[in-house]
Each structure stands twice: as C-alpha cells, then as structure tokens.
Amino acid sequence: MFKFRKKREKGHEYNLTYDNLAVPEIHTHEPEDAADEDEKKPGITYDSVAIPEIHIRKR
C-alpha cells in the first residue's frame, strides 16, 4: 500500500567455476579467447599442488 519495502534489484548473472578449488572463482563476463585457451594448456596433476587454508572470521 505505502511501498515501504525496498525495490529489488535485477538478478545478477554470475558464472561460477569451482575446479576443485578452496575458493570458487567468479566470472562476470565471457573471456575473449576461451575456446583457444583449453587447447594450449596441458593437463595438471593434483599430486604436487598445495591447497591453501583460508579462515574467514565472523564479524
């Protein structure tokens, strides 16, 4: 009736990529050379990759 509620913003379109990471990557736009990038990079072995610990504290 009096419109005391806040106006809702339009929904954001995020592309979340996890790839078994500790913290997900958030992409807001498409990369320019996404198709060529997959062909150039060799595969990665996760046996020797260190995964950092991230501690997020409450405020």
C-alpha atoms as a PDB file:
ATOM      1  CA  MET A   1       0.000   0.000   0.000  1.00  0.00           C
ATOM      2  CA  PHE A   2       2.647   2.561   1.046  1.00  0.00           C
ATOM      3  CA  LYS A   3       5.569   0.810  -0.643  1.00  0.00           C
ATOM      4  CA  PHE A   4       7.875   0.783   2.387  1.00  0.00           C
ATOM      5  CA  ARG A   5       9.695  -2.240   1.041  1.00  0.00           C
ATOM      6  CA  LYS A   6      12.955  -1.758  -0.805  1.00  0.00           C
ATOM      7  CA  LYS A   7      12.912  -2.163  -4.538  1.00  0.00           C
ATOM      8  CA  ARG A   8      14.510  -5.401  -5.651  1.00  0.00           C
ATOM      9  CA  GLU A   9      17.471  -5.108  -7.952  1.00  0.00           C
ATOM     10  CA  LYS A  10      17.651  -7.142 -11.100  1.00  0.00           C
ATOM     11  CA  GLY A  11      19.300 -10.521 -10.583  1.00  0.00           C
ATOM     12  CA  HIS A  12      22.998 -10.781 -11.276  1.00  0.00           C
ATOM     13  CA  GLU A  13      24.239 -13.362 -13.730  1.00  0.00           C
ATOM     14  CA  TYR A  14      27.451 -14.909 -12.421  1.00  0.00           C
ATOM     15  CA  ASN A  15      29.352 -17.817 -13.906  1.00  0.00           C
ATOM     16  CA  LEU A  16      30.807 -19.808 -11.004  1.00  0.00           C
ATOM     17  CA  THR A  17      33.749 -22.075 -11.749  1.00  0.00           C
ATOM     18  CA  TYR A  18      34.854 -24.425  -8.976  1.00  0.00           C
ATOM     19  CA  ASP A  19      37.508 -26.774 -10.474  1.00  0.00           C
ATOM     20  CA  ASN A  20      38.136 -28.320  -7.024  1.00  0.00           C
ATOM     21  CA  LEU A  21      39.465 -25.053  -5.585  1.00  0.00           C
ATOM     22  CA  ALA A  22      39.299 -23.942  -1.974  1.00  0.00           C
ATOM     23  CA  VAL A  23      37.673 -20.648  -3.026  1.00  0.00           C
ATOM     24  CA  PRO A  24      35.494 -20.561  -6.168  1.00  0.00           C
ATOM     25  CA  GLU A  25      36.287 -18.165  -8.985  1.00  0.00           C
ATOM     26  CA  ILE A  26      33.535 -15.765 -10.049  1.00  0.00           C
ATOM     27  CA  HIS A  27      33.459 -14.705 -13.684  1.00  0.00           C
ATOM     28  CA  THR A  28      31.223 -11.775 -14.598  1.00  0.00           C
ATOM     29  CA  HIS A  29      31.875 -11.878 -18.350  1.00  0.00           C
ATOM     30  CA  GLU A  30      32.995 -14.324 -21.024  1.00  0.00           C
ATOM     31  CA  PRO A  31      36.742 -14.370 -21.751  1.00  0.00           C
ATOM     32  CA  GLU A  32      37.730 -13.375 -25.266  1.00  0.00           C
ATOM     33  CA  ASP A  33      39.820 -16.438 -26.076  1.00  0.00           C
ATOM     34  CA  ALA A  34      38.019 -19.114 -24.064  1.00  0.00           C
ATOM     35  CA  ALA A  35      37.985 -21.734 -26.846  1.00  0.00           C
ATOM     36  CA  ASP A  36      41.694 -21.404 -27.686  1.00  0.00           C
ATOM     37  CA  GLU A  37      42.813 -21.475 -24.068  1.00  0.00           C
ATOM     38  CA  ASP A  38      41.687 -25.066 -23.433  1.00  0.00           C
ATOM     39  CA  GLU A  39      43.734 -26.425 -26.336  1.00  0.00           C
ATOM     40  CA  LYS A  40      47.007 -24.685 -25.349  1.00  0.00           C
ATOM     41  CA  LYS A  41      47.262 -25.693 -21.672  1.00  0.00           C
ATOM     42  CA  PRO A  42      48.494 -29.166 -20.760  1.00  0.00           C
ATOM     43  CA  GLY A  43      46.706 -31.139 -18.062  1.00  0.00           C
ATOM     44  CA  ILE A  44      47.603 -30.556 -14.418  1.00  0.00           C
ATOM     45  CA  THR A  45      48.327 -33.255 -11.878  1.00  0.00           C
ATOM     46  CA  TYR A  46      46.988 -32.522  -8.419  1.00  0.00           C
ATOM     47  CA  ASP A  47      49.540 -34.707  -6.610  1.00  0.00           C
ATOM     48  CA  SER A  48      52.027 -31.868  -6.126  1.00  0.00           C
ATOM     49  CA  VAL A  49      49.655 -28.880  -5.861  1.00  0.00           C
ATOM     50  CA  ALA A  50      49.329 -27.192  -2.466  1.00  0.00           C
ATOM     51  CA  ILE A  51      45.852 -26.050  -1.463  1.00  0.00           C
ATOM     52  CA  PRO A  52      45.949 -23.124   0.995  1.00  0.00           C
ATOM     53  CA  GLU A  53      43.766 -22.971   4.077  1.00  0.00           C
ATOM     54  CA  ILE A  54      41.544 -19.914   4.247  1.00  0.00           C
ATOM     55  CA  HIS A  55      39.951 -18.936   7.547  1.00  0.00           C
ATOM     56  CA  ILE A  56      37.064 -16.477   7.331  1.00  0.00           C
ATOM     57  CA  ARG A  57      36.192 -14.876  10.646  1.00  0.00           C
ATOM     58  CA  LYS A  58      32.739 -13.718  11.664  1.00  0.00           C
ATOM     59  CA  ARG A  59      32.352 -10.000  12.217  1.00  0.00           C
END
